[in-house]
Amino acid sequence: MPRRTPHSSISAQPATTSTAHSRGRRRLLLGGTGLACLLLSGCGFKLRGPQALDFATVHINASELSELGASLRRLIATTGSTRVVEDPAQADALLQVLANNRGREILSLTGAGKVREYQLTQTLRFQLLDRRGAALIPPTSISASREFTFDDSQVLGKEQEESLLYNDMQQDLLQQLMRRLASARHAH
């Protein structure tokens, strides 16, 4: 009978078991991932991206020189289905920005009575009309808010942070607006 050393029998057994175990685990993970992909594709899940709009041309009453107007024009251009026109008479739909308001409210104060926290808000009010003036989307308000801590000793940095938060809220509102526009149905 051949002689076994304790080291060879101990090290050979676990390596074989762990390799088989990791292969089985890998197969299970790949199978689970494949099943998840199949289920998601079957339910109609798509990554968020530009959505086609139901009208070929749109007029926007916000100036193309404003940050809101320029961003909105870029987003509509990415749909591939709709073109922004400057003449309202040539548009299938009219997007009217009725208001774009920003606000700042005090949330909390320090013991010395100085502002510790603000809540920043931005509200966008709009409507979408067809070329006859009928409402495809009646006047609608969408809003976003962010909490913002304030520190007197870092005024410049906090001003930049506030500006970034407003930009983030505006992008959020524009994405909400684009989803609303994508769900609007145009009577052909």
N, C-alpha and C. Protein backbone atom coordinates (compact mmCIF):
# COMPACT_ATOMS: atom_id res chain seq x y z
N MET A 1 0.84 -1.17 0.00
CA MET A 1 0.00 0.00 0.00
C MET A 1 0.89 1.24 0.00
N PRO A 2 0.64 2.17 -0.94
CA PRO A 2 1.49 3.34 -1.00
C PRO A 2 1.26 4.23 0.22
N ARG A 3 2.30 4.87 0.57
CA ARG A 3 2.28 5.71 1.75
C ARG A 3 1.84 7.12 1.39
N ARG A 4 0.93 7.68 2.13
CA ARG A 4 0.44 9.05 1.90
C ARG A 4 1.04 9.96 2.95
N THR A 5 1.35 11.14 2.47
CA THR A 5 1.81 12.13 3.43
C THR A 5 0.62 12.97 3.82
N PRO A 6 0.57 13.42 5.05
CA PRO A 6 -0.59 14.19 5.49
C PRO A 6 -0.80 15.46 4.68
N HIS A 7 0.28 16.05 4.23
CA HIS A 7 0.16 17.31 3.48
C HIS A 7 -0.50 17.10 2.13
N SER A 8 -0.17 16.03 1.43
CA SER A 8 -0.71 15.82 0.09
C SER A 8 -2.19 15.49 0.13
N SER A 9 -2.64 14.70 1.10
CA SER A 9 -4.06 14.36 1.16
C SER A 9 -4.90 15.54 1.60
N ILE A 10 -4.37 16.37 2.45
CA ILE A 10 -5.13 17.53 2.93
C ILE A 10 -5.25 18.59 1.86
N SER A 11 -4.16 18.88 1.18
CA SER A 11 -4.19 19.98 0.20
C SER A 11 -4.90 19.57 -1.09
N ALA A 12 -4.85 18.30 -1.48
CA ALA A 12 -5.48 17.89 -2.74
C ALA A 12 -6.99 17.87 -2.61
N GLN A 13 -7.53 17.45 -1.51
CA GLN A 13 -8.97 17.32 -1.35
C GLN A 13 -9.68 18.67 -1.38
N PRO A 14 -9.30 19.67 -0.58
CA PRO A 14 -10.02 20.93 -0.60
C PRO A 14 -9.91 21.67 -1.93
N ALA A 15 -8.78 21.58 -2.62
CA ALA A 15 -8.62 22.29 -3.89
C ALA A 15 -9.63 21.78 -4.91
N THR A 16 -9.83 20.46 -4.97
CA THR A 16 -10.78 19.88 -5.90
C THR A 16 -12.20 20.30 -5.55
N THR A 17 -12.53 20.27 -4.29
CA THR A 17 -13.87 20.64 -3.85
C THR A 17 -14.12 22.12 -4.08
N SER A 18 -13.15 22.97 -3.76
CA SER A 18 -13.37 24.41 -3.94
C SER A 18 -13.46 24.78 -5.42
N THR A 19 -12.71 24.12 -6.29
CA THR A 19 -12.79 24.40 -7.73
C THR A 19 -14.16 24.00 -8.25
N ALA A 20 -14.63 22.83 -7.86
CA ALA A 20 -15.96 22.39 -8.30
C ALA A 20 -17.03 23.32 -7.72
N HIS A 21 -16.83 23.73 -6.48
CA HIS A 21 -17.79 24.63 -5.83
C HIS A 21 -17.83 25.99 -6.55
N SER A 22 -16.66 26.54 -6.90
CA SER A 22 -16.64 27.84 -7.59
C SER A 22 -17.21 27.74 -9.00
N ARG A 23 -17.01 26.60 -9.68
CA ARG A 23 -17.61 26.42 -11.01
C ARG A 23 -19.13 26.39 -10.90
N GLY A 24 -19.62 25.66 -9.92
CA GLY A 24 -21.07 25.59 -9.72
C GLY A 24 -21.65 26.94 -9.35
N ARG A 25 -20.93 27.66 -8.53
CA ARG A 25 -21.37 29.00 -8.13
C ARG A 25 -21.40 29.94 -9.34
N ARG A 26 -20.35 29.86 -10.18
CA ARG A 26 -20.27 30.70 -11.38
C ARG A 26 -21.44 30.38 -12.32
N ARG A 27 -21.72 29.09 -12.51
CA ARG A 27 -22.84 28.70 -13.37
C ARG A 27 -24.16 29.23 -12.83
N LEU A 28 -24.32 29.15 -11.52
CA LEU A 28 -25.54 29.64 -10.88
C LEU A 28 -25.69 31.15 -11.07
N LEU A 29 -24.60 31.90 -10.88
CA LEU A 29 -24.64 33.36 -11.08
C LEU A 29 -24.94 33.70 -12.53
N LEU A 30 -24.29 33.03 -13.47
CA LEU A 30 -24.55 33.29 -14.90
C LEU A 30 -25.98 32.95 -15.27
N GLY A 31 -26.46 31.82 -14.75
CA GLY A 31 -27.84 31.43 -15.02
C GLY A 31 -28.83 32.43 -14.44
N GLY A 32 -28.56 32.87 -13.22
CA GLY A 32 -29.43 33.87 -12.57
C GLY A 32 -29.41 35.19 -13.32
N THR A 33 -28.24 35.61 -13.77
CA THR A 33 -28.13 36.86 -14.53
C THR A 33 -28.88 36.73 -15.85
N GLY A 34 -28.72 35.59 -16.51
CA GLY A 34 -29.44 35.38 -17.78
C GLY A 34 -30.94 35.39 -17.58
N LEU A 35 -31.40 34.76 -16.51
CA LEU A 35 -32.83 34.74 -16.21
C LEU A 35 -33.35 36.14 -15.92
N ALA A 36 -32.59 36.91 -15.15
CA ALA A 36 -32.99 38.29 -14.83
C ALA A 36 -33.09 39.12 -16.11
N CYS A 37 -32.12 38.97 -17.01
CA CYS A 37 -32.15 39.72 -18.28
C CYS A 37 -33.36 39.32 -19.10
N LEU A 38 -33.66 38.04 -19.13
CA LEU A 38 -34.81 37.55 -19.88
C LEU A 38 -36.11 38.11 -19.31
N LEU A 39 -36.24 38.11 -17.99
CA LEU A 39 -37.45 38.64 -17.36
C LEU A 39 -37.60 40.14 -17.60
N LEU A 40 -36.50 40.88 -17.48
CA LEU A 40 -36.57 42.33 -17.70
C LEU A 40 -36.91 42.67 -19.15
N SER A 41 -36.34 41.92 -20.09
CA SER A 41 -36.66 42.22 -21.49
C SER A 41 -38.10 41.82 -21.81
N GLY A 42 -38.60 40.79 -21.15
CA GLY A 42 -39.97 40.35 -21.38
C GLY A 42 -41.01 41.31 -20.84
N CYS A 43 -40.65 42.07 -19.80
CA CYS A 43 -41.63 42.98 -19.21
C CYS A 43 -41.60 44.36 -19.87
N GLY A 44 -40.74 44.55 -20.85
CA GLY A 44 -40.69 45.84 -21.55
C GLY A 44 -39.74 46.83 -20.92
N PHE A 45 -38.90 46.40 -19.98
CA PHE A 45 -37.95 47.31 -19.34
C PHE A 45 -36.94 47.83 -20.35
N LYS A 46 -36.72 49.14 -20.34
CA LYS A 46 -35.69 49.75 -21.18
C LYS A 46 -34.93 50.75 -20.33
N LEU A 47 -33.65 50.89 -20.60
CA LEU A 47 -32.90 51.94 -19.93
C LEU A 47 -33.45 53.28 -20.34
N ARG A 48 -33.40 54.24 -19.41
CA ARG A 48 -33.94 55.54 -19.72
C ARG A 48 -33.04 56.24 -20.73
N GLY A 49 -33.62 56.74 -21.76
CA GLY A 49 -32.90 57.47 -22.78
C GLY A 49 -33.90 58.37 -23.47
N PRO A 50 -33.50 58.95 -24.60
CA PRO A 50 -34.43 59.83 -25.31
C PRO A 50 -35.67 59.04 -25.75
N GLN A 51 -36.84 59.61 -25.50
CA GLN A 51 -38.08 58.97 -25.90
C GLN A 51 -38.66 59.75 -27.08
N ALA A 52 -39.20 59.03 -28.04
CA ALA A 52 -39.81 59.67 -29.19
C ALA A 52 -41.05 60.45 -28.77
N LEU A 53 -41.23 61.61 -29.38
CA LEU A 53 -42.41 62.42 -29.10
C LEU A 53 -43.41 62.19 -30.22
N ASP A 54 -44.68 62.43 -29.96
CA ASP A 54 -45.76 62.13 -30.90
C ASP A 54 -46.01 63.26 -31.90
N PHE A 55 -45.14 64.24 -31.96
CA PHE A 55 -45.32 65.34 -32.91
C PHE A 55 -43.97 65.61 -33.58
N ALA A 56 -44.04 65.97 -34.87
CA ALA A 56 -42.82 66.14 -35.66
C ALA A 56 -42.12 67.47 -35.39
N THR A 57 -42.90 68.51 -35.11
CA THR A 57 -42.31 69.83 -34.86
C THR A 57 -42.93 70.45 -33.61
N VAL A 58 -42.12 71.23 -32.91
CA VAL A 58 -42.60 71.90 -31.70
C VAL A 58 -41.98 73.29 -31.64
N HIS A 59 -42.77 74.23 -31.13
CA HIS A 59 -42.27 75.58 -30.86
C HIS A 59 -42.18 75.73 -29.35
N ILE A 60 -41.08 76.31 -28.88
CA ILE A 60 -40.88 76.53 -27.45
C ILE A 60 -40.84 78.04 -27.22
N ASN A 61 -41.63 78.52 -26.27
CA ASN A 61 -41.66 79.97 -26.03
C ASN A 61 -40.50 80.46 -25.17
N ALA A 62 -39.67 79.56 -24.63
CA ALA A 62 -38.49 79.96 -23.85
C ALA A 62 -37.36 80.31 -24.81
N SER A 63 -36.67 81.39 -24.54
CA SER A 63 -35.58 81.84 -25.41
C SER A 63 -34.48 80.78 -25.51
N GLU A 64 -33.95 80.63 -26.71
CA GLU A 64 -32.85 79.68 -26.90
C GLU A 64 -31.57 80.18 -26.23
N LEU A 65 -31.55 81.44 -25.82
CA LEU A 65 -30.39 82.01 -25.14
C LEU A 65 -30.44 81.77 -23.63
N SER A 66 -31.62 81.39 -23.11
CA SER A 66 -31.73 81.09 -21.68
C SER A 66 -31.23 79.67 -21.44
N GLU A 67 -30.78 79.43 -20.22
CA GLU A 67 -30.29 78.09 -19.87
C GLU A 67 -31.39 77.04 -20.03
N LEU A 68 -32.60 77.36 -19.59
CA LEU A 68 -33.73 76.44 -19.70
C LEU A 68 -34.07 76.17 -21.17
N GLY A 69 -34.18 77.25 -21.96
CA GLY A 69 -34.54 77.09 -23.37
C GLY A 69 -33.50 76.30 -24.15
N ALA A 70 -32.22 76.56 -23.90
CA ALA A 70 -31.15 75.85 -24.60
C ALA A 70 -31.14 74.37 -24.21
N SER A 71 -31.30 74.07 -22.93
CA SER A 71 -31.31 72.67 -22.46
C SER A 71 -32.50 71.92 -23.04
N LEU A 72 -33.64 72.57 -23.07
CA LEU A 72 -34.85 71.95 -23.60
C LEU A 72 -34.71 71.65 -25.09
N ARG A 73 -34.14 72.56 -25.83
CA ARG A 73 -33.92 72.34 -27.26
C ARG A 73 -32.96 71.16 -27.49
N ARG A 74 -31.90 71.07 -26.68
CA ARG A 74 -30.95 69.95 -26.81
C ARG A 74 -31.64 68.62 -26.53
N LEU A 75 -32.45 68.57 -25.48
CA LEU A 75 -33.14 67.33 -25.13
C LEU A 75 -34.12 66.90 -26.23
N ILE A 76 -34.84 67.85 -26.78
CA ILE A 76 -35.80 67.51 -27.85
C ILE A 76 -35.06 67.05 -29.10
N ALA A 77 -33.89 67.64 -29.37
CA ALA A 77 -33.10 67.23 -30.54
C ALA A 77 -32.63 65.78 -30.41
N THR A 78 -32.39 65.31 -29.17
CA THR A 78 -31.90 63.94 -28.98
C THR A 78 -32.99 62.90 -29.20
N THR A 79 -34.26 63.30 -29.27
CA THR A 79 -35.33 62.32 -29.47
C THR A 79 -35.26 61.70 -30.86
N GLY A 80 -34.76 62.46 -31.82
CA GLY A 80 -34.68 61.96 -33.18
C GLY A 80 -36.02 62.00 -33.91
N SER A 81 -37.10 62.29 -33.21
CA SER A 81 -38.42 62.29 -33.84
C SER A 81 -39.01 63.69 -33.98
N THR A 82 -38.47 64.64 -33.26
CA THR A 82 -39.08 65.96 -33.19
C THR A 82 -38.03 67.04 -33.43
N ARG A 83 -38.46 68.08 -34.14
CA ARG A 83 -37.58 69.21 -34.46
C ARG A 83 -38.20 70.47 -33.88
N VAL A 84 -37.36 71.32 -33.28
CA VAL A 84 -37.83 72.60 -32.73
C VAL A 84 -37.84 73.62 -33.86
N VAL A 85 -38.98 74.31 -34.01
CA VAL A 85 -39.10 75.37 -35.03
C VAL A 85 -39.34 76.70 -34.32
N GLU A 86 -38.84 77.76 -34.91
CA GLU A 86 -38.97 79.08 -34.28
C GLU A 86 -40.29 79.77 -34.63
N ASP A 87 -40.94 79.36 -35.72
CA ASP A 87 -42.22 79.95 -36.13
C ASP A 87 -43.36 79.10 -35.56
N PRO A 88 -44.16 79.65 -34.65
CA PRO A 88 -45.25 78.86 -34.05
C PRO A 88 -46.26 78.36 -35.08
N ALA A 89 -46.43 79.06 -36.18
CA ALA A 89 -47.40 78.66 -37.21
C ALA A 89 -46.98 77.37 -37.90
N GLN A 90 -45.70 77.05 -37.87
CA GLN A 90 -45.20 75.83 -38.53
C GLN A 90 -45.10 74.64 -37.57
N ALA A 91 -45.49 74.82 -36.33
CA ALA A 91 -45.32 73.77 -35.32
C ALA A 91 -46.57 72.93 -35.17
N ASP A 92 -46.36 71.61 -34.98
CA ASP A 92 -47.48 70.70 -34.67
C ASP A 92 -47.92 70.88 -33.22
N ALA A 93 -46.98 71.29 -32.36
CA ALA A 93 -47.28 71.48 -30.94
C ALA A 93 -46.56 72.73 -30.44
N LEU A 94 -47.16 73.36 -29.44
CA LEU A 94 -46.58 74.56 -28.83
C LEU A 94 -46.33 74.28 -27.36
N LEU A 95 -45.05 74.30 -26.98
CA LEU A 95 -44.68 74.12 -25.58
C LEU A 95 -44.51 75.50 -24.97
N GLN A 96 -45.36 75.80 -24.01
CA GLN A 96 -45.32 77.11 -23.37
C GLN A 96 -44.85 76.95 -21.92
N VAL A 97 -43.70 77.56 -21.62
CA VAL A 97 -43.21 77.60 -20.25
C VAL A 97 -43.90 78.79 -19.61
N LEU A 98 -44.78 78.52 -18.65
CA LEU A 98 -45.57 79.56 -18.01
C LEU A 98 -44.83 80.20 -16.83
N ALA A 99 -43.99 79.43 -16.16
CA ALA A 99 -43.21 79.96 -15.03
C ALA A 99 -42.05 79.03 -14.75
N ASN A 100 -40.96 79.60 -14.29
CA ASN A 100 -39.79 78.84 -13.86
C ASN A 100 -39.24 79.56 -12.64
N ASN A 101 -39.69 79.14 -11.46
CA ASN A 101 -39.38 79.86 -10.22
C ASN A 101 -38.46 79.07 -9.32
N ARG A 102 -37.52 79.79 -8.71
CA ARG A 102 -36.61 79.21 -7.73
C ARG A 102 -36.89 79.85 -6.38
N GLY A 103 -36.73 79.07 -5.33
CA GLY A 103 -36.96 79.60 -3.99
C GLY A 103 -36.00 79.01 -2.98
N ARG A 104 -35.93 79.67 -1.84
CA ARG A 104 -35.05 79.22 -0.76
C ARG A 104 -35.74 79.53 0.56
N GLU A 105 -35.94 78.49 1.37
CA GLU A 105 -36.58 78.64 2.68
C GLU A 105 -35.63 78.19 3.77
N ILE A 106 -35.68 78.84 4.92
CA ILE A 106 -34.86 78.45 6.06
C ILE A 106 -35.49 77.22 6.71
N LEU A 107 -34.66 76.18 6.88
CA LEU A 107 -35.13 74.96 7.55
C LEU A 107 -34.75 74.95 9.02
N SER A 108 -33.53 75.39 9.32
CA SER A 108 -33.10 75.37 10.73
C SER A 108 -32.07 76.47 11.00
N LEU A 109 -31.99 76.85 12.28
CA LEU A 109 -31.07 77.88 12.73
C LEU A 109 -30.13 77.30 13.78
N THR A 110 -28.96 77.93 13.93
CA THR A 110 -28.05 77.55 14.99
C THR A 110 -28.55 78.15 16.31
N GLY A 111 -27.92 77.82 17.40
CA GLY A 111 -28.28 78.39 18.70
C GLY A 111 -28.08 79.90 18.73
N ALA A 112 -27.15 80.40 17.88
CA ALA A 112 -26.87 81.84 17.82
C ALA A 112 -27.83 82.56 16.88
N GLY A 113 -28.76 81.85 16.29
CA GLY A 113 -29.74 82.48 15.39
C GLY A 113 -29.27 82.61 13.95
N LYS A 114 -28.17 81.95 13.59
CA LYS A 114 -27.70 81.98 12.20
C LYS A 114 -28.30 80.79 11.44
N VAL A 115 -28.44 80.96 10.13
CA VAL A 115 -29.02 79.90 9.30
C VAL A 115 -28.07 78.70 9.24
N ARG A 116 -28.61 77.55 9.51
CA ARG A 116 -27.84 76.31 9.41
C ARG A 116 -28.21 75.54 8.16
N GLU A 117 -29.50 75.56 7.80
CA GLU A 117 -29.98 74.74 6.70
C GLU A 117 -31.07 75.46 5.92
N TYR A 118 -31.00 75.33 4.58
CA TYR A 118 -32.02 75.86 3.69
C TYR A 118 -32.67 74.71 2.92
N GLN A 119 -33.86 74.96 2.43
CA GLN A 119 -34.46 74.07 1.44
C GLN A 119 -34.58 74.87 0.15
N LEU A 120 -33.93 74.38 -0.89
CA LEU A 120 -33.99 75.02 -2.19
C LEU A 120 -35.12 74.36 -2.98
N THR A 121 -35.90 75.16 -3.68
CA THR A 121 -36.99 74.62 -4.51
C THR A 121 -36.95 75.24 -5.89
N GLN A 122 -37.42 74.49 -6.85
CA GLN A 122 -37.60 75.02 -8.20
C GLN A 122 -38.89 74.43 -8.73
N THR A 123 -39.72 75.30 -9.29
CA THR A 123 -41.01 74.89 -9.85
C THR A 123 -41.08 75.33 -11.30
N LEU A 124 -41.47 74.39 -12.14
CA LEU A 124 -41.63 74.67 -13.57
C LEU A 124 -43.11 74.46 -13.91
N ARG A 125 -43.72 75.48 -14.46
CA ARG A 125 -45.13 75.41 -14.87
C ARG A 125 -45.17 75.53 -16.38
N PHE A 126 -45.89 74.62 -17.04
CA PHE A 126 -45.91 74.58 -18.50
C PHE A 126 -47.25 74.05 -19.00
N GLN A 127 -47.45 74.20 -20.31
CA GLN A 127 -48.57 73.56 -20.99
C GLN A 127 -48.14 73.22 -22.41
N LEU A 128 -48.81 72.25 -23.01
CA LEU A 128 -48.54 71.85 -24.38
C LEU A 128 -49.84 71.95 -25.16
N LEU A 129 -49.81 72.72 -26.22
CA LEU A 129 -50.99 72.92 -27.06
C LEU A 129 -50.74 72.36 -28.45
N ASP A 130 -51.83 71.94 -29.12
CA ASP A 130 -51.67 71.56 -30.52
C ASP A 130 -51.77 72.82 -31.38
N ARG A 131 -51.66 72.68 -32.68
CA ARG A 131 -51.62 73.87 -33.55
C ARG A 131 -52.94 74.65 -33.55
N ARG A 132 -54.05 74.02 -33.14
CA ARG A 132 -55.34 74.73 -33.06
C ARG A 132 -55.53 75.41 -31.70
N GLY A 133 -54.61 75.15 -30.76
CA GLY A 133 -54.71 75.76 -29.44
C GLY A 133 -55.36 74.87 -28.40
N ALA A 134 -55.71 73.63 -28.78
CA ALA A 134 -56.29 72.69 -27.82
C ALA A 134 -55.17 72.13 -26.93
N ALA A 135 -55.49 71.94 -25.67
CA ALA A 135 -54.48 71.48 -24.72
C ALA A 135 -54.19 69.99 -24.88
N LEU A 136 -52.94 69.66 -25.19
CA LEU A 136 -52.48 68.27 -25.16
C LEU A 136 -52.06 67.94 -23.72
N ILE A 137 -51.45 68.91 -23.05
CA ILE A 137 -51.15 68.84 -21.62
C ILE A 137 -51.64 70.16 -21.04
N PRO A 138 -52.64 70.13 -20.18
CA PRO A 138 -53.13 71.39 -19.58
C PRO A 138 -52.05 72.01 -18.69
N PRO A 139 -52.23 73.25 -18.25
CA PRO A 139 -51.22 73.85 -17.37
C PRO A 139 -50.88 72.92 -16.20
N THR A 140 -49.59 72.61 -16.10
CA THR A 140 -49.10 71.63 -15.14
C THR A 140 -47.87 72.18 -14.43
N SER A 141 -47.78 71.92 -13.14
CA SER A 141 -46.60 72.32 -12.37
C SER A 141 -45.84 71.07 -11.94
N ILE A 142 -44.53 71.13 -12.09
CA ILE A 142 -43.65 70.09 -11.55
C ILE A 142 -42.60 70.80 -10.70
N SER A 143 -42.17 70.14 -9.65
CA SER A 143 -41.21 70.82 -8.78
C SER A 143 -40.18 69.83 -8.25
N ALA A 144 -39.08 70.40 -7.79
CA ALA A 144 -38.00 69.63 -7.19
C ALA A 144 -37.47 70.43 -6.01
N SER A 145 -36.91 69.73 -5.02
CA SER A 145 -36.33 70.43 -3.87
C SER A 145 -35.09 69.70 -3.40
N ARG A 146 -34.20 70.45 -2.78
CA ARG A 146 -32.97 69.90 -2.22
C ARG A 146 -32.70 70.62 -0.90
N GLU A 147 -32.18 69.86 0.07
CA GLU A 147 -31.77 70.47 1.33
C GLU A 147 -30.31 70.88 1.20
N PHE A 148 -29.96 71.98 1.87
CA PHE A 148 -28.67 72.60 1.67
C PHE A 148 -28.17 73.15 3.00
N THR A 149 -27.05 72.66 3.51
CA THR A 149 -26.49 73.18 4.75
C THR A 149 -25.66 74.41 4.44
N PHE A 150 -25.71 75.37 5.34
CA PHE A 150 -25.04 76.64 5.11
C PHE A 150 -24.01 76.89 6.20
N ASP A 151 -22.88 77.48 5.80
CA ASP A 151 -21.81 77.80 6.74
C ASP A 151 -21.26 79.18 6.38
N ASP A 152 -21.36 80.14 7.31
CA ASP A 152 -20.89 81.51 7.07
C ASP A 152 -19.41 81.57 6.71
N SER A 153 -18.62 80.64 7.22
CA SER A 153 -17.18 80.70 6.99
C SER A 153 -16.79 80.20 5.60
N GLN A 154 -17.74 79.65 4.85
CA GLN A 154 -17.44 79.12 3.51
C GLN A 154 -18.44 79.66 2.49
N VAL A 155 -18.61 80.97 2.49
CA VAL A 155 -19.65 81.58 1.65
C VAL A 155 -19.45 81.29 0.16
N LEU A 156 -18.23 81.46 -0.36
CA LEU A 156 -18.01 81.21 -1.80
C LEU A 156 -18.28 79.76 -2.18
N GLY A 157 -17.78 78.84 -1.39
CA GLY A 157 -18.02 77.42 -1.68
C GLY A 157 -19.49 77.07 -1.60
N LYS A 158 -20.19 77.66 -0.65
CA LYS A 158 -21.62 77.38 -0.48
C LYS A 158 -22.44 77.99 -1.62
N GLU A 159 -22.01 79.14 -2.15
CA GLU A 159 -22.69 79.72 -3.31
C GLU A 159 -22.56 78.80 -4.52
N GLN A 160 -21.37 78.23 -4.71
CA GLN A 160 -21.17 77.29 -5.82
C GLN A 160 -22.00 76.03 -5.62
N GLU A 161 -22.04 75.54 -4.40
CA GLU A 161 -22.85 74.35 -4.10
C GLU A 161 -24.32 74.62 -4.38
N GLU A 162 -24.80 75.79 -3.99
CA GLU A 162 -26.19 76.16 -4.23
C GLU A 162 -26.48 76.21 -5.73
N SER A 163 -25.56 76.78 -6.49
CA SER A 163 -25.73 76.85 -7.94
C SER A 163 -25.77 75.45 -8.55
N LEU A 164 -24.91 74.55 -8.08
CA LEU A 164 -24.91 73.17 -8.58
C LEU A 164 -26.22 72.45 -8.23
N LEU A 165 -26.74 72.72 -7.04
CA LEU A 165 -28.01 72.10 -6.65
C LEU A 165 -29.16 72.60 -7.52
N TYR A 166 -29.18 73.91 -7.84
CA TYR A 166 -30.21 74.43 -8.74
C TYR A 166 -30.09 73.82 -10.13
N ASN A 167 -28.85 73.66 -10.62
CA ASN A 167 -28.66 73.02 -11.93
C ASN A 167 -29.16 71.58 -11.91
N ASP A 168 -28.87 70.87 -10.82
CA ASP A 168 -29.33 69.49 -10.69
C ASP A 168 -30.86 69.42 -10.68
N MET A 169 -31.50 70.35 -9.95
CA MET A 169 -32.96 70.37 -9.92
C MET A 169 -33.53 70.66 -11.30
N GLN A 170 -32.90 71.59 -12.01
CA GLN A 170 -33.41 71.93 -13.35
C GLN A 170 -33.30 70.73 -14.29
N GLN A 171 -32.20 69.98 -14.21
CA GLN A 171 -32.07 68.78 -15.05
C GLN A 171 -33.13 67.75 -14.68
N ASP A 172 -33.39 67.62 -13.39
CA ASP A 172 -34.44 66.72 -12.92
C ASP A 172 -35.80 67.14 -13.49
N LEU A 173 -36.10 68.43 -13.42
CA LEU A 173 -37.38 68.94 -13.94
C LEU A 173 -37.48 68.75 -15.45
N LEU A 174 -36.38 68.96 -16.16
CA LEU A 174 -36.40 68.77 -17.61
C LEU A 174 -36.65 67.30 -17.98
N GLN A 175 -36.08 66.38 -17.21
CA GLN A 175 -36.34 64.96 -17.46
C GLN A 175 -37.82 64.63 -17.20
N GLN A 176 -38.37 65.20 -16.13
CA GLN A 176 -39.81 65.00 -15.85
C GLN A 176 -40.65 65.57 -16.99
N LEU A 177 -40.28 66.76 -17.45
CA LEU A 177 -41.01 67.40 -18.55
C LEU A 177 -40.95 66.54 -19.81
N MET A 178 -39.77 66.01 -20.13
CA MET A 178 -39.64 65.18 -21.33
C MET A 178 -40.49 63.92 -21.23
N ARG A 179 -40.58 63.34 -20.04
CA ARG A 179 -41.45 62.15 -19.87
C ARG A 179 -42.92 62.52 -20.09
N ARG A 180 -43.32 63.71 -19.62
CA ARG A 180 -44.70 64.17 -19.83
C ARG A 180 -44.94 64.41 -21.32
N LEU A 181 -43.97 65.04 -22.00
CA LEU A 181 -44.12 65.29 -23.43
C LEU A 181 -44.21 63.98 -24.21
N ALA A 182 -43.43 62.97 -23.79
CA ALA A 182 -43.45 61.67 -24.49
C ALA A 182 -44.78 60.97 -24.31
N SER A 183 -45.47 61.24 -23.22
CA SER A 183 -46.76 60.56 -22.99
C SER A 183 -47.93 61.32 -23.62
N ALA A 184 -47.70 62.55 -24.09
CA ALA A 184 -48.76 63.34 -24.70
C ALA A 184 -49.07 62.78 -26.09
N ARG A 185 -50.34 62.60 -26.38
CA ARG A 185 -50.76 62.09 -27.69
C ARG A 185 -51.35 63.20 -28.52
N HIS A 186 -50.88 63.28 -29.73
CA HIS A 186 -51.27 64.32 -30.67
C HIS A 186 -52.35 63.79 -31.60
N ALA A 187 -53.43 64.52 -31.79
CA ALA A 187 -54.49 64.09 -32.72
C ALA A 187 -54.05 64.45 -34.13
N HIS A 188 -53.79 63.44 -34.93
CA HIS A 188 -53.27 63.66 -36.29
C HIS A 188 -54.37 64.04 -37.25
